[in-house]
Each structure stands twice: as C-alpha cells, then as structure tokens.
Amino acid sequence: MKRISSNTIGMDQGTLELFSDFQDGGEMWTGTGPRKVSRAVEFSEAFTAQPMVQVSLTMWDMGSDSNARVSASWLAIGDVADPEQWDLY
C-alpha cells in the first residue's frame, strides 16, 4: 500500500489512441514493422513524488481480416505541492 503523507493529493487522467494505422495504411495495419507501441504521457501538473499510475484498455477492436486496434486510459494519483506552503530557504 502506498501511503500519501501530504494533505495535498493530485489526480490526473487521460486517454491515448495507441495507433490509428488503419486510417493511413501504417506499418501495423499492413502487417509489417514492430508489433508494439509506446507513448509518453505528460501530466498537467508536476507530482512531488512518483505517483501511482493505473492503465487500462478502453477500446479493443479486432476482426478476423484485420489487425487489432487499441486505446488506453490512465489515472495517476500522488502527492502534489501545497500552494500554501512556502520554501523559505
């Protein structure tokens, strides 16, 4: 269990379309190229420590005559800076 020591907890979330190669005939749609995809996620505000992040599939589209398409959503929860707390030194 991760215990958050601060009274200030931040949550950020988003959804990523992992690929849309079906729209433009990209590598994954035509059956060539690497079979993996990675995306960087930029939080809307900085966490003060590494947040807990949950990732889940939000769309899985597949058929017998085409490659699978996937979207994923993420949720990050963790400590954020307290705007009322000052750094004096």
PDB file of N, CA and C in Angstrom:
ATOM      1  N   MET A   1       0.840  -1.175   0.000  1.00  0.00           N
ATOM      2  CA  MET A   1       0.000   0.000   0.000  1.00  0.00           C
ATOM      3  C   MET A   1       0.886   1.239   0.000  1.00  0.00           C
ATOM      4  N   LYS A   2       0.559   2.187  -0.801  1.00  0.00           N
ATOM      5  CA  LYS A   2       1.272   3.463  -0.804  1.00  0.00           C
ATOM      6  C   LYS A   2       0.510   4.425   0.092  1.00  0.00           C
ATOM      7  N   ARG A   3       1.186   4.961   1.087  1.00  0.00           N
ATOM      8  CA  ARG A   3       0.578   5.945   1.981  1.00  0.00           C
ATOM      9  C   ARG A   3       1.022   7.331   1.531  1.00  0.00           C
ATOM     10  N   ILE A   4       0.086   8.221   1.365  1.00  0.00           N
ATOM     11  CA  ILE A   4       0.389   9.582   0.936  1.00  0.00           C
ATOM     12  C   ILE A   4       0.456  10.438   2.190  1.00  0.00           C
ATOM     13  N   SER A   5       1.653  10.997   2.447  1.00  0.00           N
ATOM     14  CA  SER A   5       1.885  11.701   3.699  1.00  0.00           C
ATOM     15  C   SER A   5       1.369  13.135   3.676  1.00  0.00           C
ATOM     16  N   SER A   6       1.083  13.651   2.549  1.00  0.00           N
ATOM     17  CA  SER A   6       0.657  15.032   2.415  1.00  0.00           C
ATOM     18  C   SER A   6      -0.861  15.139   2.483  1.00  0.00           C
ATOM     19  N   ASN A   7      -1.342  16.311   2.857  1.00  0.00           N
ATOM     20  CA  ASN A   7      -2.777  16.575   2.780  1.00  0.00           C
ATOM     21  C   ASN A   7      -3.189  16.950   1.368  1.00  0.00           C
ATOM     22  N   THR A   8      -2.220  17.138   0.503  1.00  0.00           N
ATOM     23  CA  THR A   8      -2.496  17.543  -0.864  1.00  0.00           C
ATOM     24  C   THR A   8      -2.285  16.362  -1.794  1.00  0.00           C
ATOM     25  N   ILE A   9      -3.365  15.871  -2.365  1.00  0.00           N
ATOM     26  CA  ILE A   9      -3.322  14.731  -3.275  1.00  0.00           C
ATOM     27  C   ILE A   9      -3.762  15.207  -4.644  1.00  0.00           C
ATOM     28  N   GLY A  10      -2.997  14.853  -5.659  1.00  0.00           N
ATOM     29  CA  GLY A  10      -3.347  15.232  -7.024  1.00  0.00           C
ATOM     30  C   GLY A  10      -3.755  14.022  -7.835  1.00  0.00           C
ATOM     31  N   MET A  11      -4.705  14.228  -8.744  1.00  0.00           N
ATOM     32  CA  MET A  11      -5.137  13.180  -9.660  1.00  0.00           C
ATOM     33  C   MET A  11      -5.140  13.762 -11.063  1.00  0.00           C
ATOM     34  N   ASP A  12      -4.628  13.013 -12.009  1.00  0.00           N
ATOM     35  CA  ASP A  12      -4.615  13.427 -13.414  1.00  0.00           C
ATOM     36  C   ASP A  12      -5.022  12.211 -14.230  1.00  0.00           C
ATOM     37  N   GLN A  13      -5.673  12.425 -15.354  1.00  0.00           N
ATOM     38  CA  GLN A  13      -6.119  11.295 -16.162  1.00  0.00           C
ATOM     39  C   GLN A  13      -6.133  11.664 -17.633  1.00  0.00           C
ATOM     40  N   GLY A  14      -6.151  10.646 -18.481  1.00  0.00           N
ATOM     41  CA  GLY A  14      -6.204  10.885 -19.912  1.00  0.00           C
ATOM     42  C   GLY A  14      -6.436   9.593 -20.678  1.00  0.00           C
ATOM     43  N   THR A  15      -6.668   9.733 -21.971  1.00  0.00           N
ATOM     44  CA  THR A  15      -6.859   8.601 -22.868  1.00  0.00           C
ATOM     45  C   THR A  15      -5.941   8.769 -24.067  1.00  0.00           C
ATOM     46  N   LEU A  16      -5.322   7.685 -24.492  1.00  0.00           N
ATOM     47  CA  LEU A  16      -4.422   7.707 -25.639  1.00  0.00           C
ATOM     48  C   LEU A  16      -4.890   6.724 -26.689  1.00  0.00           C
ATOM     49  N   GLU A  17      -4.946   7.154 -27.915  1.00  0.00           N
ATOM     50  CA  GLU A  17      -5.144   6.223 -29.015  1.00  0.00           C
ATOM     51  C   GLU A  17      -3.760   5.698 -29.340  1.00  0.00           C
ATOM     52  N   LEU A  18      -3.544   4.420 -29.149  1.00  0.00           N
ATOM     53  CA  LEU A  18      -2.202   3.876 -29.292  1.00  0.00           C
ATOM     54  C   LEU A  18      -1.737   3.835 -30.731  1.00  0.00           C
ATOM     55  N   PHE A  19      -2.636   3.602 -31.650  1.00  0.00           N
ATOM     56  CA  PHE A  19      -2.275   3.750 -33.058  1.00  0.00           C
ATOM     57  C   PHE A  19      -3.536   3.865 -33.890  1.00  0.00           C
ATOM     58  N   SER A  20      -3.411   4.534 -35.008  1.00  0.00           N
ATOM     59  CA  SER A  20      -4.532   4.658 -35.943  1.00  0.00           C
ATOM     60  C   SER A  20      -4.035   4.330 -37.343  1.00  0.00           C
ATOM     61  N   ASP A  21      -3.186   3.310 -37.442  1.00  0.00           N
ATOM     62  CA  ASP A  21      -2.600   2.939 -38.725  1.00  0.00           C
ATOM     63  C   ASP A  21      -3.646   2.527 -39.752  1.00  0.00           C
ATOM     64  N   PHE A  22      -4.829   2.127 -39.298  1.00  0.00           N
ATOM     65  CA  PHE A  22      -5.883   1.757 -40.240  1.00  0.00           C
ATOM     66  C   PHE A  22      -6.313   2.954 -41.082  1.00  0.00           C
ATOM     67  N   GLN A  23      -6.119   4.179 -40.547  1.00  0.00           N
ATOM     68  CA  GLN A  23      -6.531   5.384 -41.279  1.00  0.00           C
ATOM     69  C   GLN A  23      -5.586   5.728 -42.421  1.00  0.00           C
ATOM     70  N   ASP A  24      -4.299   5.433 -42.237  1.00  0.00           N
ATOM     71  CA  ASP A  24      -3.325   5.864 -43.247  1.00  0.00           C
ATOM     72  C   ASP A  24      -2.475   4.720 -43.807  1.00  0.00           C
ATOM     73  N   GLY A  25      -2.899   3.480 -43.578  1.00  0.00           N
ATOM     74  CA  GLY A  25      -2.148   2.344 -44.112  1.00  0.00           C
ATOM     75  C   GLY A  25      -0.778   2.190 -43.480  1.00  0.00           C
ATOM     76  N   GLY A  26      -0.657   2.534 -42.201  1.00  0.00           N
ATOM     77  CA  GLY A  26       0.616   2.475 -41.494  1.00  0.00           C
ATOM     78  C   GLY A  26       1.134   1.060 -41.305  1.00  0.00           C
ATOM     79  N   GLU A  27       2.338   0.974 -40.728  1.00  0.00           N
ATOM     80  CA  GLU A  27       3.037  -0.312 -40.597  1.00  0.00           C
ATOM     81  C   GLU A  27       2.219  -1.380 -39.883  1.00  0.00           C
ATOM     82  N   MET A  28       1.593  -1.019 -38.771  1.00  0.00           N
ATOM     83  CA  MET A  28       0.890  -2.046 -38.015  1.00  0.00           C
ATOM     84  C   MET A  28      -0.360  -2.522 -38.764  1.00  0.00           C
ATOM     85  N   TRP A  29      -0.961  -1.687 -39.559  1.00  0.00           N
ATOM     86  CA  TRP A  29      -2.157  -2.077 -40.305  1.00  0.00           C
ATOM     87  C   TRP A  29      -1.821  -2.981 -41.483  1.00  0.00           C
ATOM     88  N   THR A  30      -0.681  -2.719 -42.127  1.00  0.00           N
ATOM     89  CA  THR A  30      -0.318  -3.503 -43.302  1.00  0.00           C
ATOM     90  C   THR A  30       0.390  -4.799 -42.945  1.00  0.00           C
ATOM     91  N   GLY A  31       0.699  -5.002 -41.662  1.00  0.00           N
ATOM     92  CA  GLY A  31       1.285  -6.262 -41.225  1.00  0.00           C
ATOM     93  C   GLY A  31       2.803  -6.269 -41.193  1.00  0.00           C
ATOM     94  N   THR A  32       3.434  -5.120 -41.383  1.00  0.00           N
ATOM     95  CA  THR A  32       4.896  -5.048 -41.298  1.00  0.00           C
ATOM     96  C   THR A  32       5.290  -4.150 -40.138  1.00  0.00           C
ATOM     97  N   GLY A  33       6.546  -4.167 -39.783  1.00  0.00           N
ATOM     98  CA  GLY A  33       7.032  -3.296 -38.718  1.00  0.00           C
ATOM     99  C   GLY A  33       6.845  -3.907 -37.341  1.00  0.00           C
ATOM    100  N   PRO A  34       7.276  -3.169 -36.305  1.00  0.00           N
ATOM    101  CA  PRO A  34       7.210  -3.687 -34.936  1.00  0.00           C
ATOM    102  C   PRO A  34       5.766  -3.845 -34.466  1.00  0.00           C
ATOM    103  N   ARG A  35       5.546  -4.819 -33.592  1.00  0.00           N
ATOM    104  CA  ARG A  35       4.206  -5.100 -33.078  1.00  0.00           C
ATOM    105  C   ARG A  35       4.028  -4.501 -31.680  1.00  0.00           C
ATOM    106  N   LYS A  36       4.622  -3.344 -31.460  1.00  0.00           N
ATOM    107  CA  LYS A  36       4.453  -2.670 -30.176  1.00  0.00           C
ATOM    108  C   LYS A  36       4.386  -1.164 -30.403  1.00  0.00           C
ATOM    109  N   VAL A  37       3.787  -0.488 -29.435  1.00  0.00           N
ATOM    110  CA  VAL A  37       3.625   0.955 -29.494  1.00  0.00           C
ATOM    111  C   VAL A  37       3.864   1.513 -28.100  1.00  0.00           C
ATOM    112  N   SER A  38       4.534   2.634 -28.003  1.00  0.00           N
ATOM    113  CA  SER A  38       4.678   3.298 -26.710  1.00  0.00           C
ATOM    114  C   SER A  38       4.417   4.793 -26.901  1.00  0.00           C
ATOM    115  N   ARG A  39       3.880   5.403 -25.881  1.00  0.00           N
ATOM    116  CA  ARG A  39       3.555   6.825 -25.907  1.00  0.00           C
ATOM    117  C   ARG A  39       4.005   7.445 -24.591  1.00  0.00           C
ATOM    118  N   ALA A  40       4.526   8.650 -24.666  1.00  0.00           N
ATOM    119  CA  ALA A  40       4.869   9.410 -23.456  1.00  0.00           C
ATOM    120  C   ALA A  40       3.624  10.125 -22.960  1.00  0.00           C
ATOM    121  N   VAL A  41       3.461  10.177 -21.652  1.00  0.00           N
ATOM    122  CA  VAL A  41       2.346  10.890 -21.040  1.00  0.00           C
ATOM    123  C   VAL A  41       2.921  12.060 -20.266  1.00  0.00           C
ATOM    124  N   GLU A  42       2.388  13.241 -20.510  1.00  0.00           N
ATOM    125  CA  GLU A  42       2.821  14.434 -19.782  1.00  0.00           C
ATOM    126  C   GLU A  42       1.684  14.858 -18.864  1.00  0.00           C
ATOM    127  N   PHE A  43       1.961  14.877 -17.554  1.00  0.00           N
ATOM    128  CA  PHE A  43       0.939  15.273 -16.593  1.00  0.00           C
ATOM    129  C   PHE A  43       0.691  16.771 -16.706  1.00  0.00           C
ATOM    130  N   SER A  44      -0.514  17.205 -16.373  1.00  0.00           N
ATOM    131  CA  SER A  44      -0.856  18.621 -16.470  1.00  0.00           C
ATOM    132  C   SER A  44      -0.166  19.451 -15.386  1.00  0.00           C
ATOM    133  N   GLU A  45       0.284  18.792 -14.324  1.00  0.00           N
ATOM    134  CA  GLU A  45       0.992  19.451 -13.227  1.00  0.00           C
ATOM    135  C   GLU A  45       1.979  18.441 -12.643  1.00  0.00           C
ATOM    136  N   ALA A  46       3.084  18.916 -12.116  1.00  0.00           N
ATOM    137  CA  ALA A  46       4.104  18.015 -11.571  1.00  0.00           C
ATOM    138  C   ALA A  46       3.669  17.404 -10.246  1.00  0.00           C
ATOM    139  N   PHE A  47       3.977  16.121 -10.071  1.00  0.00           N
ATOM    140  CA  PHE A  47       3.831  15.459  -8.779  1.00  0.00           C
ATOM    141  C   PHE A  47       5.132  15.681  -8.010  1.00  0.00           C
ATOM    142  N   THR A  48       5.072  15.703  -6.675  1.00  0.00           N
ATOM    143  CA  THR A  48       6.281  15.895  -5.878  1.00  0.00           C
ATOM    144  C   THR A  48       7.014  14.575  -5.635  1.00  0.00           C
ATOM    145  N   ALA A  49       6.357  13.465  -5.896  1.00  0.00           N
ATOM    146  CA  ALA A  49       6.954  12.131  -5.804  1.00  0.00           C
ATOM    147  C   ALA A  49       6.320  11.282  -6.895  1.00  0.00           C
ATOM    148  N   GLN A  50       6.918  10.148  -7.149  1.00  0.00           N
ATOM    149  CA  GLN A  50       6.393   9.264  -8.183  1.00  0.00           C
ATOM    150  C   GLN A  50       4.955   8.871  -7.854  1.00  0.00           C
ATOM    151  N   PRO A  51       4.001   9.139  -8.761  1.00  0.00           N
ATOM    152  CA  PRO A  51       2.604   8.806  -8.482  1.00  0.00           C
ATOM    153  C   PRO A  51       2.314   7.330  -8.743  1.00  0.00           C
ATOM    154  N   MET A  52       1.193   6.881  -8.229  1.00  0.00           N
ATOM    155  CA  MET A  52       0.658   5.568  -8.580  1.00  0.00           C
ATOM    156  C   MET A  52      -0.092   5.762  -9.894  1.00  0.00           C
ATOM    157  N   VAL A  53       0.145   4.903 -10.873  1.00  0.00           N
ATOM    158  CA  VAL A  53      -0.494   5.049 -12.182  1.00  0.00           C
ATOM    159  C   VAL A  53      -1.197   3.749 -12.539  1.00  0.00           C
ATOM    160  N   GLN A  54      -2.452   3.860 -12.930  1.00  0.00           N
ATOM    161  CA  GLN A  54      -3.225   2.711 -13.398  1.00  0.00           C
ATOM    162  C   GLN A  54      -3.506   2.920 -14.879  1.00  0.00           C
ATOM    163  N   VAL A  55      -3.286   1.869 -15.667  1.00  0.00           N
ATOM    164  CA  VAL A  55      -3.540   1.913 -17.103  1.00  0.00           C
ATOM    165  C   VAL A  55      -4.533   0.809 -17.430  1.00  0.00           C
ATOM    166  N   SER A  56      -5.509   1.126 -18.267  1.00  0.00           N
ATOM    167  CA  SER A  56      -6.488   0.110 -18.658  1.00  0.00           C
ATOM    168  C   SER A  56      -6.859   0.278 -20.126  1.00  0.00           C
ATOM    169  N   LEU A  57      -7.232  -0.824 -20.747  1.00  0.00           N
ATOM    170  CA  LEU A  57      -7.709  -0.778 -22.120  1.00  0.00           C
ATOM    171  C   LEU A  57      -9.117  -0.197 -22.127  1.00  0.00           C
ATOM    172  N   THR A  58      -9.360   0.748 -23.027  1.00  0.00           N
ATOM    173  CA  THR A  58     -10.684   1.346 -23.109  1.00  0.00           C
ATOM    174  C   THR A  58     -11.358   1.039 -24.439  1.00  0.00           C
ATOM    175  N   MET A  59     -10.609   0.503 -25.386  1.00  0.00           N
ATOM    176  CA  MET A  59     -11.194   0.081 -26.655  1.00  0.00           C
ATOM    177  C   MET A  59     -10.319  -1.010 -27.233  1.00  0.00           C
ATOM    178  N   TRP A  60     -10.925  -2.103 -27.620  1.00  0.00           N
ATOM    179  CA  TRP A  60     -10.202  -3.203 -28.262  1.00  0.00           C
ATOM    180  C   TRP A  60     -11.050  -3.611 -29.448  1.00  0.00           C
ATOM    181  N   ASP A  61     -10.562  -3.319 -30.630  1.00  0.00           N
ATOM    182  CA  ASP A  61     -11.316  -3.569 -31.852  1.00  0.00           C
ATOM    183  C   ASP A  61     -10.524  -4.540 -32.701  1.00  0.00           C
ATOM    184  N   MET A  62     -11.099  -5.709 -32.972  1.00  0.00           N
ATOM    185  CA  MET A  62     -10.385  -6.674 -33.801  1.00  0.00           C
ATOM    186  C   MET A  62     -11.369  -7.480 -34.627  1.00  0.00           C
ATOM    187  N   GLY A  63     -10.868  -7.957 -35.743  1.00  0.00           N
ATOM    188  CA  GLY A  63     -11.649  -8.785 -36.628  1.00  0.00           C
ATOM    189  C   GLY A  63     -10.753  -9.831 -37.261  1.00  0.00           C
ATOM    190  N   SER A  64     -11.339 -10.820 -37.891  1.00  0.00           N
ATOM    191  CA  SER A  64     -10.552 -11.901 -38.468  1.00  0.00           C
ATOM    192  C   SER A  64      -9.777 -11.453 -39.706  1.00  0.00           C
ATOM    193  N   ASP A  65     -10.155 -10.330 -40.301  1.00  0.00           N
ATOM    194  CA  ASP A  65      -9.491  -9.877 -41.523  1.00  0.00           C
ATOM    195  C   ASP A  65      -8.623  -8.634 -41.318  1.00  0.00           C
ATOM    196  N   SER A  66      -8.348  -8.252 -40.058  1.00  0.00           N
ATOM    197  CA  SER A  66      -7.534  -7.048 -39.816  1.00  0.00           C
ATOM    198  C   SER A  66      -6.800  -7.148 -38.494  1.00  0.00           C
ATOM    199  N   ASN A  67      -5.830  -6.287 -38.311  1.00  0.00           N
ATOM    200  CA  ASN A  67      -5.076  -6.231 -37.065  1.00  0.00           C
ATOM    201  C   ASN A  67      -5.910  -5.544 -35.984  1.00  0.00           C
ATOM    202  N   ALA A  68      -5.598  -5.843 -34.741  1.00  0.00           N
ATOM    203  CA  ALA A  68      -6.330  -5.251 -33.617  1.00  0.00           C
ATOM    204  C   ALA A  68      -5.976  -3.775 -33.459  1.00  0.00           C
ATOM    205  N   ARG A  69      -6.939  -3.003 -32.980  1.00  0.00           N
ATOM    206  CA  ARG A  69      -6.736  -1.586 -32.655  1.00  0.00           C
ATOM    207  C   ARG A  69      -7.058  -1.423 -31.178  1.00  0.00           C
ATOM    208  N   VAL A  70      -6.307  -0.564 -30.517  1.00  0.00           N
ATOM    209  CA  VAL A  70      -6.442  -0.415 -29.058  1.00  0.00           C
ATOM    210  C   VAL A  70      -6.336   1.047 -28.672  1.00  0.00           C
ATOM    211  N   SER A  71      -7.131   1.434 -27.674  1.00  0.00           N
ATOM    212  CA  SER A  71      -6.962   2.702 -26.962  1.00  0.00           C
ATOM    213  C   SER A  71      -6.768   2.368 -25.484  1.00  0.00           C
ATOM    214  N   ALA A  72      -6.087   3.234 -24.774  1.00  0.00           N
ATOM    215  CA  ALA A  72      -5.846   3.018 -23.348  1.00  0.00           C
ATOM    216  C   ALA A  72      -6.106   4.304 -22.576  1.00  0.00           C
ATOM    217  N   SER A  73      -6.583   4.154 -21.348  1.00  0.00           N
ATOM    218  CA  SER A  73      -6.762   5.289 -20.447  1.00  0.00           C
ATOM    219  C   SER A  73      -5.841   5.103 -19.257  1.00  0.00           C
ATOM    220  N   TRP A  74      -5.465   6.220 -18.649  1.00  0.00           N
ATOM    221  CA  TRP A  74      -4.585   6.159 -17.490  1.00  0.00           C
ATOM    222  C   TRP A  74      -5.111   7.091 -16.399  1.00  0.00           C
ATOM    223  N   LEU A  75      -4.766   6.760 -15.162  1.00  0.00           N
ATOM    224  CA  LEU A  75      -5.117   7.560 -13.996  1.00  0.00           C
ATOM    225  C   LEU A  75      -3.902   7.598 -13.089  1.00  0.00           C
ATOM    226  N   ALA A  76      -3.436   8.788 -12.746  1.00  0.00           N
ATOM    227  CA  ALA A  76      -2.284   8.960 -11.858  1.00  0.00           C
ATOM    228  C   ALA A  76      -2.745   9.657 -10.581  1.00  0.00           C
ATOM    229  N   ILE A  77      -2.323   9.128  -9.423  1.00  0.00           N
ATOM    230  CA  ILE A  77      -2.677   9.687  -8.124  1.00  0.00           C
ATOM    231  C   ILE A  77      -1.404   9.792  -7.300  1.00  0.00           C
ATOM    232  N   GLY A  78      -1.161  10.964  -6.706  1.00  0.00           N
ATOM    233  CA  GLY A  78       0.030  11.116  -5.883  1.00  0.00           C
ATOM    234  C   GLY A  78       0.117  12.471  -5.225  1.00  0.00           C
ATOM    235  N   ASP A  79       1.213  12.671  -4.508  1.00  0.00           N
ATOM    236  CA  ASP A  79       1.467  13.932  -3.813  1.00  0.00           C
ATOM    237  C   ASP A  79       1.724  15.054  -4.808  1.00  0.00           C
ATOM    238  N   VAL A  80       1.153  16.216  -4.518  1.00  0.00           N
ATOM    239  CA  VAL A  80       1.435  17.425  -5.289  1.00  0.00           C
ATOM    240  C   VAL A  80       1.824  18.530  -4.319  1.00  0.00           C
ATOM    241  N   ALA A  81       2.453  19.576  -4.832  1.00  0.00           N
ATOM    242  CA  ALA A  81       2.892  20.687  -3.992  1.00  0.00           C
ATOM    243  C   ALA A  81       1.695  21.397  -3.373  1.00  0.00           C
ATOM    244  N   ASP A  82       1.851  21.810  -2.132  1.00  0.00           N
ATOM    245  CA  ASP A  82       0.822  22.578  -1.441  1.00  0.00           C
ATOM    246  C   ASP A  82       1.065  24.052  -1.737  1.00  0.00           C
ATOM    247  N   PRO A  83       0.148  24.724  -2.421  1.00  0.00           N
ATOM    248  CA  PRO A  83       0.362  26.125  -2.775  1.00  0.00           C
ATOM    249  C   PRO A  83       0.445  27.047  -1.554  1.00  0.00           C
ATOM    250  N   GLU A  84      -0.029  26.575  -0.398  1.00  0.00           N
ATOM    251  CA  GLU A  84       0.033  27.368   0.830  1.00  0.00           C
ATOM    252  C   GLU A  84       1.368  27.219   1.565  1.00  0.00           C
ATOM    253  N   GLN A  85       2.190  26.256   1.163  1.00  0.00           N
ATOM    254  CA  GLN A  85       3.463  26.011   1.829  1.00  0.00           C
ATOM    255  C   GLN A  85       4.575  26.738   1.084  1.00  0.00           C
ATOM    256  N   TRP A  86       5.352  27.522   1.806  1.00  0.00           N
ATOM    257  CA  TRP A  86       6.427  28.316   1.202  1.00  0.00           C
ATOM    258  C   TRP A  86       7.766  27.650   1.396  1.00  0.00           C
ATOM    259  N   ASP A  87       8.646  27.817   0.425  1.00  0.00           N
ATOM    260  CA  ASP A  87      10.052  27.421   0.546  1.00  0.00           C
ATOM    261  C   ASP A  87      10.827  28.650   1.003  1.00  0.00           C
ATOM    262  N   LEU A  88      11.289  28.656   2.255  1.00  0.00           N
ATOM    263  CA  LEU A  88      11.993  29.827   2.774  1.00  0.00           C
ATOM    264  C   LEU A  88      13.472  29.801   2.456  1.00  0.00           C
ATOM    265  N   TYR A  89      14.051  28.620   2.298  1.00  0.00           N
ATOM    266  CA  TYR A  89      15.496  28.549   2.045  1.00  0.00           C
ATOM    267  C   TYR A  89      15.767  27.724   0.840  1.00  0.00           C
TER     268      TYR A  89
END
